[in-house]
N, C-alpha and C. Protein backbone atom coordinates (compact mmCIF):
# COMPACT_ATOMS: atom_id res chain seq x y z
N MET A 1 -66.25 -75.21 -31.40
CA MET A 1 -67.21 -75.86 -32.27
C MET A 1 -66.48 -76.99 -32.98
N LYS A 2 -66.86 -78.23 -32.70
CA LYS A 2 -66.19 -79.38 -33.32
C LYS A 2 -66.68 -79.64 -34.73
N HIS A 3 -67.97 -79.54 -34.95
CA HIS A 3 -68.56 -79.78 -36.26
C HIS A 3 -69.33 -78.54 -36.68
N ALA A 4 -69.28 -78.26 -37.97
CA ALA A 4 -69.98 -77.08 -38.44
C ALA A 4 -70.42 -77.25 -39.87
N GLN A 5 -71.52 -76.61 -40.21
CA GLN A 5 -71.96 -76.51 -41.59
C GLN A 5 -71.30 -75.27 -42.17
N VAL A 6 -70.71 -75.39 -43.34
CA VAL A 6 -70.12 -74.24 -44.01
C VAL A 6 -71.22 -73.61 -44.86
N LEU A 7 -71.57 -72.37 -44.53
CA LEU A 7 -72.65 -71.67 -45.23
C LEU A 7 -72.13 -70.76 -46.33
N GLY A 8 -70.86 -70.40 -46.27
CA GLY A 8 -70.28 -69.54 -47.29
C GLY A 8 -68.78 -69.48 -47.16
N THR A 9 -68.09 -69.28 -48.27
CA THR A 9 -66.64 -69.13 -48.26
C THR A 9 -66.27 -67.85 -48.99
N PHE A 10 -65.26 -67.17 -48.48
CA PHE A 10 -64.81 -65.91 -49.06
C PHE A 10 -63.29 -65.88 -49.04
N PRO A 11 -62.63 -65.59 -50.16
CA PRO A 11 -61.17 -65.58 -50.20
C PRO A 11 -60.59 -64.54 -49.23
N ALA A 12 -59.56 -64.92 -48.51
CA ALA A 12 -58.94 -64.02 -47.55
C ALA A 12 -58.21 -62.88 -48.26
N GLY A 13 -57.80 -63.10 -49.50
CA GLY A 13 -57.07 -62.08 -50.24
C GLY A 13 -57.95 -61.02 -50.87
N SER A 14 -59.24 -61.07 -50.61
CA SER A 14 -60.18 -60.10 -51.17
C SER A 14 -59.83 -58.69 -50.67
N PRO A 15 -60.02 -57.68 -51.50
CA PRO A 15 -59.75 -56.31 -51.05
C PRO A 15 -60.56 -55.91 -49.82
N ARG A 16 -61.72 -56.50 -49.63
CA ARG A 16 -62.56 -56.17 -48.48
C ARG A 16 -62.29 -57.08 -47.29
N GLY A 17 -61.33 -58.00 -47.40
CA GLY A 17 -60.98 -58.87 -46.29
C GLY A 17 -62.14 -59.73 -45.84
N SER A 18 -62.41 -59.73 -44.54
CA SER A 18 -63.47 -60.58 -44.00
C SER A 18 -64.85 -59.92 -44.05
N TRP A 19 -64.95 -58.69 -44.51
CA TRP A 19 -66.24 -57.99 -44.48
C TRP A 19 -67.36 -58.74 -45.18
N PRO A 20 -67.17 -59.29 -46.40
CA PRO A 20 -68.29 -60.02 -47.02
C PRO A 20 -68.78 -61.19 -46.16
N ALA A 21 -67.85 -61.90 -45.54
CA ALA A 21 -68.22 -63.01 -44.67
C ALA A 21 -68.97 -62.50 -43.44
N GLU A 22 -68.50 -61.41 -42.86
CA GLU A 22 -69.16 -60.82 -41.69
C GLU A 22 -70.56 -60.34 -42.05
N GLU A 23 -70.72 -59.77 -43.25
CA GLU A 23 -72.03 -59.29 -43.68
C GLU A 23 -73.02 -60.45 -43.84
N LEU A 24 -72.57 -61.55 -44.44
CA LEU A 24 -73.44 -62.72 -44.59
C LEU A 24 -73.81 -63.28 -43.22
N ALA A 25 -72.83 -63.40 -42.33
CA ALA A 25 -73.11 -63.92 -40.99
C ALA A 25 -74.13 -63.03 -40.27
N GLU A 26 -74.00 -61.72 -40.42
CA GLU A 26 -74.95 -60.81 -39.77
C GLU A 26 -76.35 -60.98 -40.35
N ARG A 27 -76.47 -61.12 -41.67
CA ARG A 27 -77.79 -61.34 -42.28
C ARG A 27 -78.42 -62.63 -41.76
N LEU A 28 -77.62 -63.68 -41.68
CA LEU A 28 -78.14 -64.96 -41.18
C LEU A 28 -78.57 -64.84 -39.73
N ARG A 29 -77.75 -64.16 -38.90
CA ARG A 29 -78.12 -63.97 -37.49
C ARG A 29 -79.39 -63.14 -37.36
N SER A 30 -79.58 -62.15 -38.24
CA SER A 30 -80.79 -61.33 -38.16
C SER A 30 -82.03 -62.13 -38.52
N GLN A 31 -81.84 -63.27 -39.21
CA GLN A 31 -82.95 -64.18 -39.54
C GLN A 31 -83.12 -65.27 -38.49
N GLY A 32 -82.33 -65.19 -37.42
CA GLY A 32 -82.46 -66.16 -36.34
C GLY A 32 -81.60 -67.40 -36.49
N ARG A 33 -80.70 -67.42 -37.48
CA ARG A 33 -79.82 -68.57 -37.68
C ARG A 33 -78.49 -68.32 -36.99
N ALA A 34 -77.93 -69.34 -36.39
CA ALA A 34 -76.62 -69.21 -35.78
C ALA A 34 -75.57 -69.17 -36.89
N ALA A 35 -74.67 -68.21 -36.83
CA ALA A 35 -73.62 -68.10 -37.84
C ALA A 35 -72.45 -67.33 -37.25
N GLU A 36 -71.25 -67.78 -37.58
CA GLU A 36 -70.05 -67.06 -37.17
C GLU A 36 -69.00 -67.19 -38.26
N VAL A 37 -68.03 -66.30 -38.24
CA VAL A 37 -66.97 -66.29 -39.24
C VAL A 37 -65.71 -66.87 -38.62
N VAL A 38 -65.09 -67.80 -39.33
CA VAL A 38 -63.81 -68.38 -38.92
C VAL A 38 -62.85 -68.32 -40.09
N MET A 39 -61.57 -68.41 -39.79
CA MET A 39 -60.54 -68.41 -40.83
C MET A 39 -60.07 -69.84 -41.06
N ASP A 40 -60.07 -70.26 -42.32
CA ASP A 40 -59.53 -71.58 -42.68
C ASP A 40 -58.15 -71.35 -43.27
N LEU A 41 -57.12 -71.60 -42.49
CA LEU A 41 -55.75 -71.35 -42.93
C LEU A 41 -55.35 -72.25 -44.09
N ALA A 42 -55.88 -73.46 -44.14
CA ALA A 42 -55.52 -74.41 -45.20
C ALA A 42 -55.94 -73.91 -46.58
N THR A 43 -57.09 -73.22 -46.64
CA THR A 43 -57.59 -72.73 -47.94
C THR A 43 -57.45 -71.22 -48.07
N ASP A 44 -56.92 -70.56 -47.05
CA ASP A 44 -56.77 -69.11 -47.03
C ASP A 44 -58.10 -68.43 -47.35
N ALA A 45 -59.13 -68.82 -46.58
CA ALA A 45 -60.47 -68.29 -46.82
C ALA A 45 -61.18 -68.07 -45.49
N PHE A 46 -62.10 -67.11 -45.51
CA PHE A 46 -63.01 -66.91 -44.38
C PHE A 46 -64.23 -67.76 -44.63
N LEU A 47 -64.66 -68.50 -43.62
CA LEU A 47 -65.83 -69.36 -43.72
C LEU A 47 -66.93 -68.84 -42.81
N VAL A 48 -68.14 -68.84 -43.31
CA VAL A 48 -69.31 -68.57 -42.47
C VAL A 48 -69.85 -69.93 -42.09
N VAL A 49 -69.86 -70.22 -40.78
CA VAL A 49 -70.24 -71.55 -40.32
C VAL A 49 -71.37 -71.46 -39.30
N ALA A 50 -72.08 -72.58 -39.19
CA ALA A 50 -73.15 -72.74 -38.20
C ALA A 50 -72.95 -74.08 -37.51
N PRO A 51 -73.32 -74.20 -36.24
CA PRO A 51 -73.20 -75.48 -35.57
C PRO A 51 -74.04 -76.53 -36.28
N GLY A 52 -73.54 -77.73 -36.34
CA GLY A 52 -74.28 -78.81 -36.97
C GLY A 52 -73.35 -79.86 -37.51
N PRO A 53 -73.88 -80.80 -38.25
CA PRO A 53 -73.04 -81.84 -38.83
C PRO A 53 -72.05 -81.23 -39.82
N ALA A 54 -70.89 -81.81 -39.94
CA ALA A 54 -69.87 -81.29 -40.84
C ALA A 54 -70.29 -81.54 -42.28
N GLU A 55 -70.72 -80.50 -42.95
CA GLU A 55 -71.13 -80.59 -44.34
C GLU A 55 -71.11 -79.19 -44.95
N VAL A 56 -71.13 -79.14 -46.26
CA VAL A 56 -71.19 -77.86 -46.97
C VAL A 56 -72.62 -77.62 -47.39
N VAL A 57 -73.15 -76.47 -47.04
CA VAL A 57 -74.51 -76.09 -47.39
C VAL A 57 -74.41 -74.88 -48.30
N HIS A 58 -75.12 -74.91 -49.43
CA HIS A 58 -75.08 -73.79 -50.35
C HIS A 58 -76.13 -72.76 -49.94
N VAL A 59 -75.69 -71.54 -49.74
CA VAL A 59 -76.58 -70.43 -49.43
C VAL A 59 -76.65 -69.59 -50.69
N ASP A 60 -77.70 -69.80 -51.50
CA ASP A 60 -77.81 -69.10 -52.77
C ASP A 60 -78.33 -67.68 -52.60
N THR A 61 -79.32 -67.52 -51.78
CA THR A 61 -79.82 -66.19 -51.50
C THR A 61 -80.17 -66.11 -50.03
N VAL A 62 -80.09 -64.93 -49.49
CA VAL A 62 -80.40 -64.71 -48.09
C VAL A 62 -81.47 -63.63 -48.04
N GLU A 63 -82.56 -63.88 -47.32
CA GLU A 63 -83.61 -62.87 -47.21
C GLU A 63 -83.03 -61.58 -46.68
N ALA A 64 -83.52 -60.49 -47.19
CA ALA A 64 -83.09 -59.15 -46.80
C ALA A 64 -81.71 -58.81 -47.33
N ALA A 65 -81.14 -59.66 -48.15
CA ALA A 65 -79.85 -59.37 -48.76
C ALA A 65 -80.10 -58.63 -50.06
N PRO A 66 -79.15 -57.81 -50.50
CA PRO A 66 -79.31 -57.14 -51.79
C PRO A 66 -79.53 -58.17 -52.90
N ALA A 67 -80.32 -57.81 -53.89
CA ALA A 67 -80.69 -58.74 -54.95
C ALA A 67 -79.47 -59.31 -55.67
N GLN A 68 -78.41 -58.51 -55.82
CA GLN A 68 -77.25 -58.99 -56.56
C GLN A 68 -76.34 -59.87 -55.70
N ALA A 69 -76.57 -59.94 -54.41
CA ALA A 69 -75.68 -60.72 -53.53
C ALA A 69 -76.09 -62.19 -53.54
N GLN A 70 -75.20 -63.03 -53.97
CA GLN A 70 -75.39 -64.46 -53.90
C GLN A 70 -74.13 -65.07 -53.32
N TYR A 71 -74.29 -66.02 -52.44
CA TYR A 71 -73.17 -66.62 -51.75
C TYR A 71 -73.20 -68.10 -51.99
N THR A 72 -72.09 -68.66 -52.38
CA THR A 72 -72.02 -70.09 -52.66
C THR A 72 -70.83 -70.65 -51.89
N ALA A 73 -71.06 -71.74 -51.21
CA ALA A 73 -69.98 -72.40 -50.49
C ALA A 73 -69.19 -73.26 -51.44
N ALA A 74 -67.90 -73.37 -51.22
CA ALA A 74 -67.07 -74.23 -52.04
C ALA A 74 -67.31 -75.68 -51.67
N SER A 75 -67.22 -76.57 -52.64
CA SER A 75 -67.42 -77.98 -52.34
C SER A 75 -66.12 -78.66 -52.07
């Protein structure tokens, strides 16, 4: 994937590792959106990305996600 929209970022040092990123990607896929998790070594973070123009997209809430779960991409 040459270009991607960043839908969410999660610190790699989190106690849960990549799980939060994987959970967001799964929720997005269940809604019919393309999403995958990649590791950004430069920022030491897991990114949830989708094919598209290179830009950061803020995912504030995801349908079917727990009410307290909010995901924000870093700018």
